[in-house]
Amino acid sequence: MFGRSPNPEPKLPGNPQPQGRPTGFSPALGSKAASVIGPDLAIVGQKITLVCQSTLMVTGEVLGDINGVDVTIGDTGKVTGTITARNIVVHGKVTGALRGETVTLHPTAQIDGDVLQQNLIIAEGARFDGRVRAVKDPAEVRPMLDAAALSAATAAA
């Protein structure tokens, strides 16, 4: 009867979702709070890699790679780079590779790049230009979530 809702916005009839936030978005059960790159934020640079050990919601723009557990690209989100995560959900635009255990492309998704995956869900209306390959070894799509190890591996390459 009384309690806190995981979503602070009231759900009233006719109350639209906040811009850039897809309907039904909430962090995975048991996960930490979500990190958000909002619609007013752009991350731009050379050889940038974002590492997120919880849920990441992108409604802004990222020019760089993303490694995470659960990564959602919102309706207004744009990523130019490789996304590697256990679960990838795309509502917006991605130019680059998607590497995930589960990759879900919603009707508003626009993908220009290859997809390496174990499970792929493509909704009718999603735009996809690239190749799809199912991985044989799950390590191929495992995100690197240790920033220090990722930095060392990048420096060695």
C-alpha atoms as a PDB file:
ATOM      1  CA  MET A   1       0.000   0.000   0.000  1.00  0.00           C
ATOM      2  CA  PHE A   2       2.733   2.452   0.981  1.00  0.00           C
ATOM      3  CA  GLY A   3       6.248   2.297  -0.312  1.00  0.00           C
ATOM      4  CA  ARG A   4       8.729   3.746  -2.653  1.00  0.00           C
ATOM      5  CA  SER A   5       8.460   3.249  -6.340  1.00  0.00           C
ATOM      6  CA  PRO A   6      11.651   2.584  -8.341  1.00  0.00           C
ATOM      7  CA  ASN A   7      10.374   5.218 -10.802  1.00  0.00           C
ATOM      8  CA  PRO A   8      10.038   8.682  -9.216  1.00  0.00           C
ATOM      9  CA  GLU A   9       7.730  10.032 -11.974  1.00  0.00           C
ATOM     10  CA  PRO A  10       4.022   9.514 -11.336  1.00  0.00           C
ATOM     11  CA  LYS A  11       2.281   7.357 -13.902  1.00  0.00           C
ATOM     12  CA  LEU A  12      -0.767   9.432 -14.757  1.00  0.00           C
ATOM     13  CA  PRO A  13      -2.922   9.028 -17.864  1.00  0.00           C
ATOM     14  CA  GLY A  14      -1.572  11.268 -20.588  1.00  0.00           C
ATOM     15  CA  ASN A  15       1.733  11.828 -18.728  1.00  0.00           C
ATOM     16  CA  PRO A  16       4.419  11.292 -21.398  1.00  0.00           C
ATOM     17  CA  GLN A  17       7.758   9.658 -20.659  1.00  0.00           C
ATOM     18  CA  PRO A  18      10.700  12.041 -20.198  1.00  0.00           C
ATOM     19  CA  GLN A  19      12.365  12.804 -23.532  1.00  0.00           C
ATOM     20  CA  GLY A  20      14.955  10.237 -24.560  1.00  0.00           C
ATOM     21  CA  ARG A  21      13.850   7.683 -22.003  1.00  0.00           C
ATOM     22  CA  PRO A  22      12.198   4.689 -23.622  1.00  0.00           C
ATOM     23  CA  THR A  23       8.959   3.456 -22.132  1.00  0.00           C
ATOM     24  CA  GLY A  24       9.554   0.785 -19.529  1.00  0.00           C
ATOM     25  CA  PHE A  25      13.226   1.559 -18.904  1.00  0.00           C
ATOM     26  CA  SER A  26      14.377   0.541 -15.462  1.00  0.00           C
ATOM     27  CA  PRO A  27      17.626  -0.956 -14.224  1.00  0.00           C
ATOM     28  CA  ALA A  28      17.864  -4.743 -14.285  1.00  0.00           C
ATOM     29  CA  LEU A  29      16.544  -6.442 -11.178  1.00  0.00           C
ATOM     30  CA  GLY A  30      19.204  -6.607  -8.504  1.00  0.00           C
ATOM     31  CA  SER A  31      21.510  -4.191 -10.301  1.00  0.00           C
ATOM     32  CA  LYS A  32      22.957  -0.988  -8.930  1.00  0.00           C
ATOM     33  CA  ALA A  33      21.410   2.363  -9.795  1.00  0.00           C
ATOM     34  CA  ALA A  34      21.579   3.352 -13.438  1.00  0.00           C
ATOM     35  CA  SER A  35      24.189   5.727 -14.821  1.00  0.00           C
ATOM     36  CA  VAL A  36      22.762   8.173 -17.363  1.00  0.00           C
ATOM     37  CA  ILE A  37      24.331  10.128 -20.199  1.00  0.00           C
ATOM     38  CA  GLY A  38      21.502  12.597 -20.725  1.00  0.00           C
ATOM     39  CA  PRO A  39      20.290  14.295 -23.896  1.00  0.00           C
ATOM     40  CA  ASP A  40      22.202  17.475 -23.042  1.00  0.00           C
ATOM     41  CA  LEU A  41      25.556  15.663 -22.728  1.00  0.00           C
ATOM     42  CA  ALA A  42      28.021  14.720 -25.470  1.00  0.00           C
ATOM     43  CA  ILE A  43      31.226  12.792 -24.762  1.00  0.00           C
ATOM     44  CA  VAL A  44      33.776  13.364 -27.511  1.00  0.00           C
ATOM     45  CA  GLY A  45      37.466  12.553 -27.729  1.00  0.00           C
ATOM     46  CA  GLN A  46      40.119  10.309 -29.164  1.00  0.00           C
ATOM     47  CA  LYS A  47      40.269   6.699 -28.003  1.00  0.00           C
ATOM     48  CA  ILE A  48      37.673   7.163 -25.258  1.00  0.00           C
ATOM     49  CA  THR A  49      36.266   4.041 -23.607  1.00  0.00           C
ATOM     50  CA  LEU A  50      33.477   4.245 -21.059  1.00  0.00           C
ATOM     51  CA  VAL A  51      33.334   1.430 -18.490  1.00  0.00           C
ATOM     52  CA  CYS A  52      30.125   0.957 -16.499  1.00  0.00           C
ATOM     53  CA  GLN A  53      29.704  -1.842 -13.977  1.00  0.00           C
ATOM     54  CA  SER A  54      25.962  -1.296 -13.629  1.00  0.00           C
ATOM     55  CA  THR A  55      23.201  -0.221 -15.993  1.00  0.00           C
ATOM     56  CA  LEU A  56      24.068   2.571 -18.443  1.00  0.00           C
ATOM     57  CA  MET A  57      21.407   4.635 -20.229  1.00  0.00           C
ATOM     58  CA  VAL A  58      22.584   6.816 -23.120  1.00  0.00           C
ATOM     59  CA  THR A  59      20.171   9.496 -24.340  1.00  0.00           C
ATOM     60  CA  GLY A  60      22.967  11.895 -25.310  1.00  0.00           C
ATOM     61  CA  GLU A  61      25.909  11.353 -27.650  1.00  0.00           C
ATOM     62  CA  VAL A  62      29.055   9.275 -27.194  1.00  0.00           C
ATOM     63  CA  LEU A  63      31.949   9.250 -29.638  1.00  0.00           C
ATOM     64  CA  GLY A  64      33.908   6.371 -28.169  1.00  0.00           C
ATOM     65  CA  ASP A  65      33.588   2.766 -27.057  1.00  0.00           C
ATOM     66  CA  ILE A  66      31.370   1.495 -24.249  1.00  0.00           C
ATOM     67  CA  ASN A  67      31.952  -1.556 -22.021  1.00  0.00           C
ATOM     68  CA  GLY A  68      29.175  -2.384 -19.592  1.00  0.00           C
ATOM     69  CA  VAL A  69      26.858  -4.887 -18.025  1.00  0.00           C
ATOM     70  CA  ASP A  70      23.534  -3.542 -19.347  1.00  0.00           C
ATOM     71  CA  VAL A  71      23.675  -0.755 -21.938  1.00  0.00           C
ATOM     72  CA  THR A  72      20.565   0.945 -23.299  1.00  0.00           C
ATOM     73  CA  ILE A  73      20.693   3.503 -26.095  1.00  0.00           C
ATOM     74  CA  GLY A  74      17.571   5.646 -25.747  1.00  0.00           C
ATOM     75  CA  ASP A  75      15.479   7.165 -28.534  1.00  0.00           C
ATOM     76  CA  THR A  76      17.656  10.299 -28.660  1.00  0.00           C
ATOM     77  CA  GLY A  77      20.905   8.425 -27.983  1.00  0.00           C
ATOM     78  CA  LYS A  78      23.736   8.287 -30.523  1.00  0.00           C
ATOM     79  CA  VAL A  79      26.884   6.221 -30.196  1.00  0.00           C
ATOM     80  CA  THR A  80      29.782   6.158 -32.626  1.00  0.00           C
ATOM     81  CA  GLY A  81      32.015   3.320 -31.470  1.00  0.00           C
ATOM     82  CA  THR A  82      31.899  -0.276 -30.300  1.00  0.00           C
ATOM     83  CA  ILE A  83      29.443  -1.292 -27.580  1.00  0.00           C
ATOM     84  CA  THR A  84      30.397  -4.430 -25.646  1.00  0.00           C
ATOM     85  CA  ALA A  85      27.986  -5.527 -22.928  1.00  0.00           C
ATOM     86  CA  ARG A  86      26.137  -8.526 -21.574  1.00  0.00           C
ATOM     87  CA  ASN A  87      22.825  -6.956 -22.619  1.00  0.00           C
ATOM     88  CA  ILE A  88      22.509  -4.261 -25.267  1.00  0.00           C
ATOM     89  CA  VAL A  89      19.172  -2.574 -25.991  1.00  0.00           C
ATOM     90  CA  VAL A  90      19.006  -0.025 -28.814  1.00  0.00           C
ATOM     91  CA  HIS A  91      16.209   2.470 -29.419  1.00  0.00           C
ATOM     92  CA  GLY A  92      18.451   5.157 -30.976  1.00  0.00           C
ATOM     93  CA  LYS A  93      21.374   5.258 -33.395  1.00  0.00           C
ATOM     94  CA  VAL A  94      24.658   3.323 -33.287  1.00  0.00           C
ATOM     95  CA  THR A  95      27.468   3.594 -35.814  1.00  0.00           C
ATOM     96  CA  GLY A  96      29.867   0.810 -34.900  1.00  0.00           C
ATOM     97  CA  ALA A  97      29.920  -2.784 -33.723  1.00  0.00           C
ATOM     98  CA  LEU A  98      27.592  -4.300 -31.145  1.00  0.00           C
ATOM     99  CA  ARG A  99      29.083  -7.185 -29.145  1.00  0.00           C
ATOM    100  CA  GLY A 100      26.773  -8.740 -26.580  1.00  0.00           C
ATOM    101  CA  GLU A 101      25.300 -11.859 -25.093  1.00  0.00           C
ATOM    102  CA  THR A 102      21.846 -10.456 -25.892  1.00  0.00           C
ATOM    103  CA  VAL A 103      21.310  -7.657 -28.418  1.00  0.00           C
ATOM    104  CA  THR A 104      17.830  -6.154 -28.796  1.00  0.00           C
ATOM    105  CA  LEU A 105      16.996  -3.706 -31.591  1.00  0.00           C
ATOM    106  CA  HIS A 106      13.697  -1.840 -31.133  1.00  0.00           C
ATOM    107  CA  PRO A 107      11.617  -0.367 -34.004  1.00  0.00           C
ATOM    108  CA  THR A 108      13.351   3.034 -33.732  1.00  0.00           C
ATOM    109  CA  ALA A 109      16.878   1.540 -33.766  1.00  0.00           C
ATOM    110  CA  GLN A 110      19.292   2.546 -36.537  1.00  0.00           C
ATOM    111  CA  ILE A 111      22.454   0.410 -36.680  1.00  0.00           C
ATOM    112  CA  ASP A 112      25.341   0.860 -39.086  1.00  0.00           C
ATOM    113  CA  GLY A 113      27.847  -1.821 -38.094  1.00  0.00           C
ATOM    114  CA  ASP A 114      28.346  -5.491 -37.367  1.00  0.00           C
ATOM    115  CA  VAL A 115      26.656  -7.445 -34.578  1.00  0.00           C
ATOM    116  CA  LEU A 116      28.375 -10.277 -32.708  1.00  0.00           C
ATOM    117  CA  GLN A 117      25.947 -11.958 -30.357  1.00  0.00           C
ATOM    118  CA  GLN A 118      24.622 -15.059 -28.658  1.00  0.00           C
ATOM    119  CA  ASN A 119      20.965 -13.935 -28.785  1.00  0.00           C
ATOM    120  CA  LEU A 120      19.577 -11.371 -31.237  1.00  0.00           C
ATOM    121  CA  ILE A 121      16.139  -9.756 -31.202  1.00  0.00           C
ATOM    122  CA  ILE A 122      15.229  -7.398 -34.053  1.00  0.00           C
ATOM    123  CA  ALA A 123      11.842  -5.683 -33.936  1.00  0.00           C
ATOM    124  CA  GLU A 124       9.970  -4.859 -37.113  1.00  0.00           C
ATOM    125  CA  GLY A 125      10.966  -1.379 -38.239  1.00  0.00           C
ATOM    126  CA  ALA A 126      14.534  -1.460 -36.903  1.00  0.00           C
ATOM    127  CA  ARG A 127      17.095  -0.363 -39.495  1.00  0.00           C
ATOM    128  CA  PHE A 128      20.248  -2.446 -39.667  1.00  0.00           C
ATOM    129  CA  ASP A 129      23.136  -2.231 -42.134  1.00  0.00           C
ATOM    130  CA  GLY A 130      25.915  -4.676 -41.326  1.00  0.00           C
ATOM    131  CA  ARG A 131      26.725  -8.315 -40.752  1.00  0.00           C
ATOM    132  CA  VAL A 132      25.518 -10.571 -37.964  1.00  0.00           C
ATOM    133  CA  ARG A 133      27.563 -13.391 -36.499  1.00  0.00           C
ATOM    134  CA  ALA A 134      26.691 -15.718 -33.653  1.00  0.00           C
ATOM    135  CA  VAL A 135      29.716 -16.246 -31.439  1.00  0.00           C
ATOM    136  CA  LYS A 136      31.012 -19.708 -30.639  1.00  0.00           C
ATOM    137  CA  ASP A 137      32.996 -18.622 -27.586  1.00  0.00           C
ATOM    138  CA  PRO A 138      31.179 -16.349 -25.086  1.00  0.00           C
ATOM    139  CA  ALA A 139      34.521 -14.662 -24.315  1.00  0.00           C
ATOM    140  CA  GLU A 140      34.256 -12.915 -27.710  1.00  0.00           C
ATOM    141  CA  VAL A 141      31.414 -10.741 -26.405  1.00  0.00           C
ATOM    142  CA  ARG A 142      32.391 -10.483 -22.737  1.00  0.00           C
ATOM    143  CA  PRO A 143      32.825  -6.830 -21.728  1.00  0.00           C
ATOM    144  CA  MET A 144      35.999  -5.743 -19.944  1.00  0.00           C
ATOM    145  CA  LEU A 145      34.680  -4.109 -16.778  1.00  0.00           C
ATOM    146  CA  ASP A 146      38.014  -3.462 -15.043  1.00  0.00           C
ATOM    147  CA  ALA A 147      39.110   0.029 -16.124  1.00  0.00           C
ATOM    148  CA  ALA A 148      42.738  -0.495 -15.053  1.00  0.00           C
ATOM    149  CA  ALA A 149      43.055  -3.779 -16.983  1.00  0.00           C
ATOM    150  CA  LEU A 150      41.371  -2.190 -20.021  1.00  0.00           C
ATOM    151  CA  SER A 151      43.785   0.738 -19.892  1.00  0.00           C
ATOM    152  CA  ALA A 152      46.777  -1.634 -19.683  1.00  0.00           C
ATOM    153  CA  ALA A 153      45.485  -3.762 -22.551  1.00  0.00           C
ATOM    154  CA  THR A 154      44.914  -0.675 -24.699  1.00  0.00           C
ATOM    155  CA  ALA A 155      48.397   0.679 -23.941  1.00  0.00           C
ATOM    156  CA  ALA A 156      49.990  -2.686 -24.836  1.00  0.00           C
ATOM    157  CA  ALA A 157      48.200  -2.824 -28.220  1.00  0.00           C
END
